Every structure is written in C-alpha cells, then in structure tokens.
Amino acid sequence: MSTPHTTPLGAGPAAADPDRIDPAVWRIGVTLVVGALAVVFDTTVVSVALDDLAKAFHAPLATVQWGSTGYLLAVFVTIPLAVWAQARFGGRRLWIAALGGFLLGSVLSALAWNAPSLIAFRVVQGLAGGIMMPLTATLLMQAAKGRQPGRVMAIITVPTALGPILGPVLGGLILHLADWRWMFLVNIPFCAVGGWLALRNLPDDRPEPGGPRVRLDVAGLLLLCPGVTALLYGLSRVEGSAGVTGATVLLPLLGGLALVGGFTVRSLARHGGALIDLRLFRHRAVASSGTLLFLGGIALYGPMMLLPLYFQQVRGEDALGAGLLLIPQGVGALLARGLAGRYLDRVGPRRVAVVAFVLVAVATVPFAFVTADSGGVLLMAALFVRGTALGAAMMAPMGAAYVGLRHREIPDAGVITRVAQQIGGSVGIAVLAVVLQHASLGAHGPSALADAFDTAFWWSVALTALAVPLCLLLPGRPERPAAARRAGTDAAADHPRPTV
C-alpha cells in the first residue's frame, strides 16, 4: 500500500532551530497525555474510596483493598510486554487497543455488583494501563528523535506528577458530590477523546507486511512478570502482616527475587531478543536514571501515603479535606513542568536533579516536626516547594535515561524507567508503613500519633537524601547541536552527547 510522502518528524522547521519542538511532536504529546491522564488519575482516585467501597459492597476493607492491589499487579504483568507488542503491532495500533481495553475495564468497574467483580474488572484496567504507561514515553521520545529532551519530558511527566497529587482531590470531590461509580465513569471522556486524537495524530507505524516478525521471549516473560508481581505482592502485604518476616511477605519476596535474578542472568547472556534489553545498563545514563527513579518513587509515593493519613488521623480532616490540603503540592508540580524542562536542556539533568532532590528533602523536614496544632500556612508552603521540587526531580532522570540511545533502544529504556519508579513507590509505601506502624504502637491521642508521624517523615527525609550523591552520575550539560540538521538523518546522530 502506498502512502503519501510526508515530512519526517523533526525534519521541519524545528530541525533547523534546536530550541524549537516540532509542532507534530506537540500534537503527539497532547494526544498521549489525554489518554494517560485516565490511567494515572484512576490509580490514585480509588485510593480515597476504599471505605466507601467497603460499605457499598458490605465487604471487609482488606477484601476491597484487593481492587487496588490487583490493579497494581496486573499493571506489572503487561509492562514488560510493551516493547515486544510495539514492535509486533506498531505503537499507534497498540496505544488505541490499550486505551480501548482501559475504557472497557472502567465501564465494567462502574457496573460491579460485589467486591470480587470489582477486583476482576480492576485487573482488566491494570492489564491495559500497564501497556499504556511505558508506551507514552516511548512514542513521544521516538517522535522527538532525541531533540530537547527536557521539554519533551515536561510533556510526558504531566500525568505522572499530577496523578498521585491531584487524584485524591478528585476522588474526594466525586465521593462528596456523587456515587462511587463515577470514579470509574469519569474515565470515559479521557478515553474517548484520547482515542479520537490518537486516530488523528499518531503516525501509522505498523510493521511492513511480509517483514520479519518479532518473536516473544516466552521464557523471559515467565521469569520476569511473575517475579515482579511476587515482589510487589510481598511489599503490599507488609503493613497488614507481622512485618517483613511474616510468611505472606517473606515467601513472595524471596520467590520474586529468585525469578527476577534468573531473568537478569538470562537477559544479560543473550545478544538479542530478550524481553527487556538489560544490557542498556552499560550506559551510565540508563543505570543512574533507573536508580534515581527508584529512589524518586520512594520520595513521591511514600509520603503520599503519609500525608493524607496525617491530615486525617492527627488533624481530624475527612477524605475531601485531606485531598484539598494537598493542592499546593499539585500546583507546585504543575509549575515545575515548563521551568524544569527548560533548565534540563540548558544546564543538563545532573544539576537539575541535585537541586531538586535537595529541595525535596528540605521541604519534607517541616513535616518531621508536625504536631496536632502545627501551623497550616507553613505546611502548605512546604508542600508547594516539595511539589515543585518533586516535579523536577522526576523529570531529570526520566529525560537523562534516553540520552545517547538509538531509536530501537528507547522502548527498552522506557520500560526500565517505568518499572524502577513503580517498584520504588511500592518499596517507599511498604517501608514507611512499617515505620509508622511500629512508631505508633501504644500511641493514643493526636499528640502521640503526631510523634509517630514525625519518625516516619524523618525516614522519608533520609531516603530522599540518599539520592543526592547519585545525581552526580547523571549526564551533564548536553552539547548544543548544530543550528541546522539534514532532514531524515539517523535518529542516533540527533541525540545530544552528554559531557561527563
């Protein structure tokens, strides 16, 4: 089938002006963000509704919690499949199919009649969401061909940063104004508009008919997916069991580590065709970015578990009130998008990451001194600074991970960064939940509970501070590319070379 000649992405006016992003890249970015917002918001909106769902289904809270746990585990079943599926079917078709699957899961979740049906339909959502999240970064970075990675990451990370922060606010508002089913029905416009935009704006990148078919690494799939799932399951059980030594925690953790270790050895020994190319860790940018995103996940998701609990248990706020108090953090994260993106391209991810992680740690310190009567203005100001710094802290390693990679290596890097961040988030929640649980033993009254939260927030500060020296391993300021490049040059030649 013949196709009309089109100017390659990045080969238009933006190619001659390195400070400008091609309008086609902007269109693709908006298209992907609209669809991704449904996934990211859905993940966090439900977190504030567990009590309402338990009452609606007359089920124990521990049972309803499996709606969130099952979703998370399903996400990690399909994340590693994103690289193979994109090569096999094309990014555009895969994105639209995954968006349709998430829409189906959302509608079914809204129609759930009991807790088991909700859990099953949430799994459907998770299977689709696991494909969409790494594909978001991959499609946009491939379209941009490595130009202006900071500004490109500013587009990609909008839903990632805002979801955990504004999601609880949206969930609280929905529960305050309407029935719990609207938490899932609100996904419909995102999915519908996102699908329409994808049909219009995403390039048709399906494989050539009769070309070589990409084979699925079945053995790697059987090692990695159950391994990561077992790790996440074990971490999710930490808070509700007898610490990390309980059988329901220790056995999944050990089993998951063994499976992931087996996958790692097998992948490194293969010269091609692995489910995820772990040899990319030979690139210092990928290795340092993955480590920082793991720690960044701890810094983001761990305190996001602590903050609503502090506002509710110590200060007596309801779910909506706790969500509204987190708005300054969301505003800060939103403002960080454009500012951090510009500085990433000017001074490089190394300097931005150092400053950002230091500010995240410093802005968390006021919460390590909280009491039942702590001043609201100081805490809101700290949340604003923390949100701004978190936005930059997550963008810097995400953008750095793709520096110097070939076009075909970008999907694997996207999966690596996504898995690192999400596992870091699970570890952060598990560790701080255990710390808070032990610190609050025997605590009665708001003052005693505030002391327990102080201890947990100090742990958060320490875990965030661990990332600061590792930021020095990120690439430095990129060399400015030539003012004009020939249209259609190889994507690898377009990547800025980092200074080290």
Protein backbone atom coordinates (compact mmCIF):
# COMPACT_ATOMS: atom_id res chain seq x y z
CA MET A 1 0.00 0.00 0.00
CA SER A 2 1.50 3.32 -0.99
CA THR A 3 1.47 6.23 1.38
CA PRO A 4 1.77 9.91 0.58
CA HIS A 5 5.11 11.49 1.17
CA THR A 6 5.25 13.27 4.48
CA THR A 7 7.99 15.24 6.13
CA PRO A 8 9.64 13.12 8.82
CA LEU A 9 9.01 14.15 12.37
CA GLY A 10 11.74 16.52 13.47
CA ALA A 11 12.75 17.32 9.89
CA GLY A 12 10.74 20.53 9.55
CA PRO A 13 11.42 23.99 10.91
CA ALA A 14 12.24 22.58 14.35
CA ALA A 15 15.12 20.64 12.86
CA ALA A 16 16.78 23.89 11.85
CA ASP A 17 16.04 25.53 15.18
CA PRO A 18 17.21 23.31 18.06
CA ASP A 19 15.35 25.47 20.59
CA ARG A 20 12.01 24.65 19.00
CA ILE A 21 9.92 21.50 19.26
CA ASP A 22 8.28 20.32 16.06
CA PRO A 23 4.51 21.07 16.13
CA ALA A 24 3.86 17.43 15.23
CA VAL A 25 5.63 16.40 18.44
CA TRP A 26 3.41 18.76 20.43
CA ARG A 27 0.31 17.20 18.86
CA ILE A 28 1.51 13.71 19.70
CA GLY A 29 2.34 14.82 23.23
CA VAL A 30 -1.12 16.25 23.86
CA THR A 31 -2.68 13.10 22.39
CA LEU A 32 -0.74 10.80 24.69
CA VAL A 33 -1.22 12.93 27.81
CA VAL A 34 -5.02 12.97 27.41
CA GLY A 35 -5.15 9.17 27.32
CA ALA A 36 -2.55 8.74 30.06
CA LEU A 37 -4.49 11.01 32.44
CA ALA A 38 -7.25 8.40 32.60
CA VAL A 39 -4.78 5.75 33.79
CA VAL A 40 -2.87 7.90 36.27
CA PHE A 41 -5.91 9.54 37.84
CA ASP A 42 -7.74 6.23 38.10
CA THR A 43 -4.83 4.72 40.03
CA THR A 44 -4.97 7.40 42.73
CA VAL A 45 -8.64 8.39 42.77
CA VAL A 46 -9.68 4.96 44.03
CA SER A 47 -7.24 5.17 46.97
CA VAL A 48 -9.55 7.56 48.87
CA ALA A 49 -12.68 5.47 48.26
CA LEU A 50 -11.80 2.20 49.97
CA ASP A 51 -14.02 2.89 52.98
CA ASP A 52 -16.98 3.84 50.74
CA LEU A 53 -16.49 0.74 48.59
CA ALA A 54 -16.34 -1.49 51.65
CA LYS A 55 -19.66 -0.08 52.86
CA ALA A 56 -21.27 -0.30 49.41
CA PHE A 57 -20.36 -3.98 48.99
CA HIS A 58 -20.72 -4.92 52.68
CA ALA A 59 -17.21 -6.36 52.47
CA PRO A 60 -14.14 -6.14 54.74
CA LEU A 61 -11.70 -3.36 53.97
CA ALA A 62 -8.95 -5.95 53.41
CA THR A 63 -11.06 -7.52 50.64
CA VAL A 64 -11.82 -4.23 48.90
CA GLN A 65 -8.14 -3.30 49.09
CA TRP A 66 -7.51 -6.08 46.59
CA GLY A 67 -9.11 -3.87 43.97
CA SER A 68 -6.05 -1.60 44.19
CA THR A 69 -3.57 -4.42 44.77
CA GLY A 70 -4.93 -6.46 41.86
CA TYR A 71 -4.76 -3.42 39.60
CA LEU A 72 -1.13 -2.78 40.54
CA LEU A 73 -0.12 -6.41 40.00
CA ALA A 74 -1.89 -6.52 36.62
CA VAL A 75 -0.01 -3.40 35.52
CA PHE A 76 3.29 -5.16 36.06
CA VAL A 77 2.20 -8.22 34.14
CA THR A 78 1.93 -6.23 30.91
CA ILE A 79 4.61 -3.52 31.30
CA PRO A 80 7.38 -5.87 30.06
CA LEU A 81 5.20 -6.83 27.08
CA ALA A 82 5.08 -3.25 25.79
CA VAL A 83 8.40 -3.47 23.93
CA TRP A 84 7.51 -6.68 22.08
CA ALA A 85 3.92 -5.62 21.38
CA GLN A 86 5.01 -2.27 19.90
CA ALA A 87 7.48 -3.98 17.58
CA ARG A 88 4.88 -6.59 16.62
CA PHE A 89 1.80 -4.43 16.06
CA GLY A 90 3.03 -0.83 15.88
CA GLY A 91 2.76 1.89 18.51
CA ARG A 92 -0.38 3.54 17.14
CA ARG A 93 -2.48 0.37 16.98
CA LEU A 94 -1.16 -0.79 20.36
CA TRP A 95 -1.98 2.54 22.03
CA ILE A 96 -5.54 2.61 20.67
CA ALA A 97 -6.13 -1.03 21.64
CA ALA A 98 -4.82 -0.47 25.17
CA LEU A 99 -6.93 2.68 25.55
CA GLY A 100 -9.99 0.72 24.44
CA GLY A 101 -9.18 -2.01 26.97
CA PHE A 102 -8.88 0.55 29.74
CA LEU A 103 -12.23 2.08 28.72
CA LEU A 104 -13.85 -1.36 28.86
CA GLY A 105 -12.38 -2.05 32.29
CA SER A 106 -13.58 1.33 33.57
CA VAL A 107 -17.17 0.78 32.40
CA LEU A 108 -17.22 -2.73 33.86
CA SER A 109 -15.81 -1.46 37.18
CA ALA A 110 -18.61 1.10 37.38
CA LEU A 111 -21.11 -1.75 36.86
CA ALA A 112 -19.55 -4.02 39.52
CA TRP A 113 -22.11 -5.68 41.78
CA ASN A 114 -19.81 -7.02 44.51
CA ALA A 115 -16.19 -6.90 45.66
CA PRO A 116 -14.94 -9.89 43.60
CA SER A 117 -16.42 -8.46 40.39
CA LEU A 118 -14.79 -5.08 41.09
CA ILE A 119 -11.43 -6.76 41.67
CA ALA A 120 -11.72 -8.67 38.39
CA PHE A 121 -12.64 -5.56 36.39
CA ARG A 122 -9.83 -3.56 38.02
CA VAL A 123 -7.45 -6.26 36.77
CA VAL A 124 -8.76 -5.60 33.24
CA GLN A 125 -7.93 -1.92 33.73
CA GLY A 126 -4.47 -2.79 35.02
CA LEU A 127 -3.62 -5.02 32.06
CA ALA A 128 -4.37 -2.13 29.67
CA GLY A 129 -2.73 0.50 31.85
CA GLY A 130 0.49 -1.50 32.05
CA ILE A 131 0.87 -1.22 28.27
CA MET A 132 -0.01 2.48 28.12
CA MET A 133 2.36 3.93 30.69
CA PRO A 134 5.74 2.95 29.16
CA LEU A 135 4.31 3.44 25.66
CA THR A 136 3.56 7.09 26.47
CA ALA A 137 7.23 7.96 26.93
CA THR A 138 8.42 5.69 24.13
CA LEU A 139 6.18 7.13 21.39
CA LEU A 140 6.94 10.74 22.27
CA MET A 141 10.70 10.30 22.64
CA GLN A 142 10.83 8.45 19.32
CA ALA A 143 8.83 11.21 17.64
CA ALA A 144 11.14 13.91 19.05
CA LYS A 145 14.25 11.99 17.88
CA GLY A 146 16.20 12.97 20.98
CA ARG A 147 15.82 16.75 20.50
CA GLN A 148 15.04 18.94 23.52
CA PRO A 149 14.71 16.00 25.97
CA GLY A 150 13.94 18.32 28.87
CA ARG A 151 10.96 19.96 27.21
CA VAL A 152 9.75 16.63 25.86
CA MET A 153 9.87 15.13 29.36
CA ALA A 154 7.92 18.16 30.61
CA ILE A 155 5.07 16.92 28.41
CA ILE A 156 5.37 13.25 29.33
CA THR A 157 5.54 13.74 33.09
CA VAL A 158 2.43 15.91 33.41
CA PRO A 159 0.12 12.97 34.23
CA THR A 160 2.80 11.12 36.20
CA ALA A 161 3.38 14.04 38.54
CA LEU A 162 -0.19 15.27 38.89
CA GLY A 163 -1.89 11.90 39.32
CA PRO A 164 -0.69 11.00 42.84
CA ILE A 165 -1.18 14.60 43.96
CA LEU A 166 -4.49 15.67 42.42
CA GLY A 167 -6.02 12.20 42.22
CA PRO A 168 -7.05 12.15 45.91
CA VAL A 169 -8.60 15.61 45.48
CA LEU A 170 -10.65 14.44 42.50
CA GLY A 171 -11.65 11.28 44.35
CA GLY A 172 -12.74 13.25 47.40
CA LEU A 173 -14.83 15.63 45.28
CA ILE A 174 -16.52 12.76 43.43
CA LEU A 175 -17.41 10.97 46.65
CA HIS A 176 -18.66 14.23 48.14
CA LEU A 177 -20.90 15.06 45.19
CA ALA A 178 -21.85 11.73 43.60
CA ASP A 179 -21.89 7.94 43.81
CA TRP A 180 -18.67 5.88 43.90
CA ARG A 181 -19.39 4.56 40.38
CA TRP A 182 -18.50 7.97 38.97
CA MET A 183 -14.88 7.38 39.96
CA PHE A 184 -14.72 4.97 37.03
CA LEU A 185 -17.21 6.67 34.71
CA VAL A 186 -15.09 9.84 34.79
CA ASN A 187 -12.52 7.91 32.72
CA ILE A 188 -14.87 7.70 29.73
CA PRO A 189 -14.27 11.23 28.33
CA PHE A 190 -10.48 10.86 28.71
CA CYS A 191 -10.52 7.55 26.85
CA ALA A 192 -12.96 8.72 24.15
CA VAL A 193 -11.13 11.98 23.40
CA GLY A 194 -7.76 10.25 23.70
CA GLY A 195 -8.80 7.60 21.17
CA TRP A 196 -10.11 10.19 18.71
CA LEU A 197 -6.89 12.20 18.98
CA ALA A 198 -4.81 9.05 18.52
CA LEU A 199 -6.57 8.23 15.25
CA ARG A 200 -5.84 11.76 14.01
CA ASN A 201 -2.35 12.47 15.31
CA LEU A 202 -0.35 9.31 15.92
CA PRO A 203 1.73 8.17 12.91
CA ASP A 204 0.88 4.82 11.36
CA ASP A 205 3.97 2.84 12.33
CA ARG A 206 2.70 -0.69 11.79
CA PRO A 207 5.36 -3.18 10.62
CA GLU A 208 5.81 -3.70 6.91
CA PRO A 209 3.73 -6.62 5.55
CA GLY A 210 5.92 -9.63 4.96
CA GLY A 211 8.74 -8.23 7.10
CA PRO A 212 10.49 -10.23 9.82
CA ARG A 213 8.21 -10.92 12.78
CA VAL A 214 9.47 -10.12 16.26
CA ARG A 215 9.43 -13.22 18.43
CA LEU A 216 8.23 -13.04 22.01
CA ASP A 217 10.75 -14.08 24.66
CA VAL A 218 8.37 -16.50 26.38
CA ALA A 219 10.95 -17.82 28.87
CA GLY A 220 11.87 -14.28 29.87
CA LEU A 221 8.19 -13.41 30.24
CA LEU A 222 7.61 -16.40 32.53
CA LEU A 223 10.53 -15.29 34.70
CA LEU A 224 10.08 -11.52 34.85
CA CYS A 225 6.32 -11.00 35.10
CA PRO A 226 5.67 -13.45 37.95
CA GLY A 227 8.89 -12.27 39.61
CA VAL A 228 7.97 -8.60 39.68
CA THR A 229 4.39 -9.46 40.60
CA ALA A 230 5.57 -11.57 43.55
CA LEU A 231 7.84 -8.75 44.73
CA LEU A 232 5.02 -6.22 44.61
CA TYR A 233 2.61 -8.61 46.29
CA GLY A 234 5.05 -9.19 49.14
CA LEU A 235 5.60 -5.46 49.59
CA SER A 236 1.85 -4.80 49.55
CA ARG A 237 1.43 -7.28 52.44
CA VAL A 238 3.99 -5.63 54.74
CA GLU A 239 1.58 -3.31 56.52
CA GLY A 240 -1.06 -5.94 57.24
CA SER A 241 1.17 -8.82 58.38
CA ALA A 242 3.78 -9.49 61.01
CA GLY A 243 6.44 -7.30 59.46
CA VAL A 244 8.84 -8.38 56.75
CA THR A 245 9.47 -11.71 58.47
CA GLY A 246 5.88 -12.90 58.04
CA ALA A 247 5.39 -15.81 55.64
CA THR A 248 2.97 -13.84 53.46
CA VAL A 249 5.71 -11.25 52.93
CA LEU A 250 8.96 -13.21 53.03
CA LEU A 251 7.98 -16.05 50.68
CA PRO A 252 6.77 -13.81 47.82
CA LEU A 253 9.79 -11.53 48.23
CA LEU A 254 12.30 -14.39 48.10
CA GLY A 255 10.47 -16.09 45.25
CA GLY A 256 10.23 -12.83 43.31
CA LEU A 257 13.92 -12.06 43.82
CA ALA A 258 14.85 -15.54 42.57
CA LEU A 259 12.73 -15.17 39.41
CA VAL A 260 13.94 -11.64 38.67
CA GLY A 261 17.52 -12.78 39.29
CA GLY A 262 17.05 -15.63 36.83
CA PHE A 263 15.66 -13.24 34.24
CA THR A 264 18.59 -10.87 34.76
CA VAL A 265 21.20 -13.58 34.22
CA ARG A 266 19.38 -14.87 31.15
CA SER A 267 18.86 -11.43 29.62
CA LEU A 268 22.47 -10.37 30.07
CA ALA A 269 23.66 -13.60 28.43
CA ARG A 270 21.51 -13.09 25.31
CA HIS A 271 22.78 -10.98 22.44
CA GLY A 272 19.31 -10.13 21.18
CA GLY A 273 15.65 -10.99 21.52
CA ALA A 274 15.42 -10.59 25.31
CA LEU A 275 12.08 -9.39 26.69
CA ILE A 276 13.90 -6.31 28.05
CA ASP A 277 17.45 -5.49 26.99
CA LEU A 278 19.17 -5.18 30.37
CA ARG A 279 22.47 -4.59 28.60
CA LEU A 280 21.32 -0.97 28.41
CA PHE A 281 22.57 -0.67 31.99
CA ARG A 282 26.02 -0.45 30.47
CA HIS A 283 25.01 3.11 29.60
CA ARG A 284 25.72 5.19 32.68
CA ALA A 285 22.74 7.41 31.87
CA VAL A 286 20.32 4.47 31.97
CA ALA A 287 21.84 2.92 35.11
CA SER A 288 21.93 6.18 37.09
CA SER A 289 18.47 7.23 35.89
CA GLY A 290 16.92 3.90 36.84
CA THR A 291 18.45 4.09 40.33
CA LEU A 292 17.30 7.67 40.84
CA LEU A 293 13.78 6.89 39.64
CA PHE A 294 13.66 4.04 42.15
CA LEU A 295 14.59 6.49 44.94
CA GLY A 296 12.31 9.12 43.39
CA GLY A 297 9.43 6.64 43.60
CA ILE A 298 10.16 6.28 47.31
CA ALA A 299 10.25 10.08 47.75
CA LEU A 300 6.96 10.52 45.86
CA TYR A 301 4.70 7.63 46.83
CA GLY A 302 5.90 7.02 50.41
CA PRO A 303 4.98 10.48 51.72
CA MET A 304 1.83 10.48 49.59
CA MET A 305 0.71 7.63 51.83
CA LEU A 306 1.75 9.51 54.99
CA LEU A 307 0.35 12.96 54.21
CA PRO A 308 -3.37 12.11 53.89
CA LEU A 309 -3.12 9.89 56.98
CA TYR A 310 -1.53 12.72 58.96
CA PHE A 311 -4.24 15.18 57.95
CA GLN A 312 -6.98 12.66 58.77
CA GLN A 313 -5.69 10.92 61.90
CA VAL A 314 -3.87 13.80 63.59
CA ARG A 315 -5.71 16.88 62.36
CA GLY A 316 -9.16 15.27 62.03
CA GLU A 317 -9.80 16.05 58.36
CA ASP A 318 -12.12 13.94 56.20
CA ALA A 319 -11.08 12.44 52.84
CA LEU A 320 -12.11 15.55 50.91
CA GLY A 321 -10.41 17.91 53.35
CA ALA A 322 -7.17 15.91 53.22
CA GLY A 323 -7.26 15.93 49.43
CA LEU A 324 -7.81 19.68 49.27
CA LEU A 325 -4.89 20.31 51.61
CA LEU A 326 -2.63 18.57 49.08
CA ILE A 327 -3.50 21.07 46.34
CA PRO A 328 -0.38 23.26 46.93
CA GLN A 329 1.80 20.26 46.16
CA GLY A 330 -0.10 19.68 42.93
CA VAL A 331 0.20 23.34 41.92
CA GLY A 332 3.94 23.21 42.54
CA ALA A 333 4.30 20.07 40.42
CA LEU A 334 2.36 21.69 37.60
CA LEU A 335 4.51 24.84 37.64
CA ALA A 336 7.68 22.73 37.61
CA ARG A 337 6.87 21.30 34.16
CA GLY A 338 7.97 24.13 31.89
CA LEU A 339 10.62 25.60 34.20
CA ALA A 340 12.45 22.34 34.82
CA GLY A 341 12.16 21.34 31.15
CA ARG A 342 13.94 24.49 30.01
CA TYR A 343 16.73 24.13 32.57
CA LEU A 344 17.22 20.46 31.71
CA ASP A 345 18.05 21.46 28.16
CA ARG A 346 20.26 24.37 29.24
CA VAL A 347 22.31 23.01 32.14
CA GLY A 348 21.71 19.27 31.86
CA PRO A 349 19.91 16.77 34.12
CA ARG A 350 22.77 16.46 36.62
CA ARG A 351 22.47 19.95 38.10
CA VAL A 352 18.69 19.99 37.98
CA ALA A 353 18.49 16.63 39.79
CA VAL A 354 20.91 17.68 42.57
CA VAL A 355 19.00 20.87 43.33
CA ALA A 356 15.60 19.15 43.04
CA PHE A 357 16.35 16.22 45.36
CA VAL A 358 17.92 18.54 47.94
CA LEU A 359 14.79 20.70 47.90
CA VAL A 360 12.51 17.65 48.21
CA ALA A 361 14.40 16.57 51.34
CA VAL A 362 14.44 20.09 52.82
CA ALA A 363 10.73 20.66 52.12
CA THR A 364 9.89 17.37 53.88
CA VAL A 365 11.72 18.38 57.08
CA PRO A 366 8.86 20.60 58.42
CA PHE A 367 6.62 17.52 58.46
CA ALA A 368 9.15 15.78 60.70
CA PHE A 369 8.27 18.35 63.39
CA VAL A 370 4.49 18.25 62.98
CA THR A 371 2.14 18.31 65.92
CA ALA A 372 -1.61 18.29 66.18
CA ASP A 373 -1.52 22.10 66.15
CA SER A 374 1.17 22.76 63.52
CA GLY A 375 0.59 25.94 61.54
CA GLY A 376 -1.25 25.31 58.30
CA VAL A 377 0.46 28.13 56.37
CA LEU A 378 3.96 26.71 56.93
CA LEU A 379 2.87 23.21 55.90
CA MET A 380 1.12 24.48 52.78
CA ALA A 381 4.23 26.45 51.79
CA ALA A 382 6.38 23.37 52.35
CA LEU A 383 4.00 21.30 50.20
CA PHE A 384 4.23 23.84 47.38
CA VAL A 385 8.04 23.76 47.42
CA ARG A 386 8.00 19.98 47.72
CA GLY A 387 5.68 19.61 44.74
CA THR A 388 7.81 21.91 42.59
CA ALA A 389 10.99 20.04 43.52
CA LEU A 390 9.36 16.63 43.01
CA GLY A 391 8.29 17.58 39.51
CA ALA A 392 11.86 18.48 38.57
CA ALA A 393 13.33 15.51 40.47
CA MET A 394 11.27 13.03 38.45
CA MET A 395 11.81 14.78 35.11
CA ALA A 396 15.61 14.92 35.29
CA PRO A 397 16.34 11.17 35.39
CA MET A 398 13.44 10.38 33.04
CA GLY A 399 14.92 12.64 30.38
CA ALA A 400 18.50 11.55 31.07
CA ALA A 401 17.67 7.87 30.57
CA TYR A 402 17.26 8.37 26.81
CA VAL A 403 20.44 10.40 26.20
CA GLY A 404 22.68 8.72 23.63
CA LEU A 405 20.31 5.81 22.87
CA ARG A 406 19.43 4.56 19.41
CA HIS A 407 15.84 4.71 18.20
CA ARG A 408 15.36 0.96 18.73
CA GLU A 409 16.70 1.14 22.31
CA ILE A 410 14.19 3.73 23.50
CA PRO A 411 11.31 1.28 24.21
CA ASP A 412 13.51 -0.85 26.50
CA ALA A 413 14.70 2.26 28.35
CA GLY A 414 11.07 3.33 28.78
CA VAL A 415 10.15 0.01 30.40
CA ILE A 416 13.23 0.08 32.67
CA THR A 417 12.45 3.56 33.98
CA ARG A 418 8.77 2.77 34.49
CA VAL A 419 9.47 -0.43 36.43
CA ALA A 420 12.15 1.29 38.56
CA GLN A 421 9.83 4.12 39.55
CA GLN A 422 6.87 1.89 40.37
CA ILE A 423 8.90 -0.61 42.40
CA GLY A 424 10.45 2.34 44.23
CA GLY A 425 6.97 3.59 45.02
CA SER A 426 5.95 0.19 46.40
CA VAL A 427 9.11 -0.01 48.50
CA GLY A 428 8.55 3.52 49.81
CA ILE A 429 4.98 2.78 50.86
CA ALA A 430 5.98 -0.53 52.48
CA VAL A 431 8.96 0.87 54.40
CA LEU A 432 7.18 3.96 55.69
CA ALA A 433 4.07 1.93 56.56
CA VAL A 434 6.20 -0.38 58.74
CA VAL A 435 7.97 2.60 60.35
CA LEU A 436 4.67 4.32 61.10
CA GLN A 437 3.13 1.09 62.37
CA HIS A 438 5.94 0.46 64.85
CA ALA A 439 6.22 4.11 65.90
CA SER A 440 2.50 4.32 66.64
CA LEU A 441 2.32 1.19 68.81
CA GLY A 442 0.66 2.19 72.06
CA ALA A 443 0.10 5.74 70.82
CA HIS A 444 -3.16 7.29 71.99
CA GLY A 445 -4.41 10.72 71.08
CA PRO A 446 -3.36 13.22 68.39
CA SER A 447 -0.11 14.24 70.14
CA ALA A 448 1.21 10.70 70.41
CA LEU A 449 0.21 9.96 66.81
CA ALA A 450 1.96 13.14 65.68
CA ASP A 451 5.21 11.84 67.23
CA ALA A 452 4.83 8.62 65.24
CA PHE A 453 4.38 10.60 62.03
CA ASP A 454 7.49 12.65 62.91
CA THR A 455 9.53 9.46 62.91
CA ALA A 456 8.11 8.29 59.58
CA PHE A 457 8.76 11.66 57.92
CA TRP A 458 12.37 11.64 59.16
CA TRP A 459 12.78 8.29 57.40
CA SER A 460 11.38 9.88 54.26
CA VAL A 461 13.92 12.72 54.50
CA ALA A 462 16.77 10.23 54.90
CA LEU A 463 15.66 8.06 51.95
CA THR A 464 15.37 11.14 49.74
CA ALA A 465 18.81 12.38 50.79
CA LEU A 466 20.32 9.09 49.57
CA ALA A 467 19.55 10.17 46.03
CA VAL A 468 21.57 13.42 46.14
CA PRO A 469 25.08 11.97 45.61
CA LEU A 470 23.76 9.60 42.94
CA CYS A 471 22.57 12.62 40.93
CA LEU A 472 26.23 13.34 40.14
CA LEU A 473 26.26 10.25 37.90
CA LEU A 474 23.68 11.72 35.52
CA PRO A 475 24.82 13.30 32.24
CA GLY A 476 25.95 16.91 32.46
CA ARG A 477 25.16 19.75 30.11
CA PRO A 478 24.46 18.47 26.58
CA GLU A 479 26.48 19.85 23.73
CA ARG A 480 24.34 22.20 21.68
CA PRO A 481 23.55 20.57 18.33
CA ALA A 482 24.31 22.32 15.08
CA ALA A 483 21.85 25.03 14.11
CA ALA A 484 20.65 23.07 11.16
CA ARG A 485 20.50 19.34 10.51
CA ARG A 486 19.80 17.49 7.34
CA ALA A 487 16.23 16.16 7.23
CA GLY A 488 15.94 12.42 7.63
CA THR A 489 19.32 11.83 9.35
CA ASP A 490 19.62 8.77 11.55
CA ALA A 491 17.97 9.24 14.93
CA ALA A 492 21.13 8.25 16.78
CA ALA A 493 23.01 11.15 15.22
CA ASP A 494 20.41 13.56 16.55
CA HIS A 495 20.95 12.73 20.22
CA PRO A 496 23.00 15.32 22.15
CA ARG A 497 26.22 13.92 23.53
CA PRO A 498 26.45 14.41 27.29
CA THR A 499 29.51 15.80 28.97
CA VAL A 500 30.82 13.75 31.85
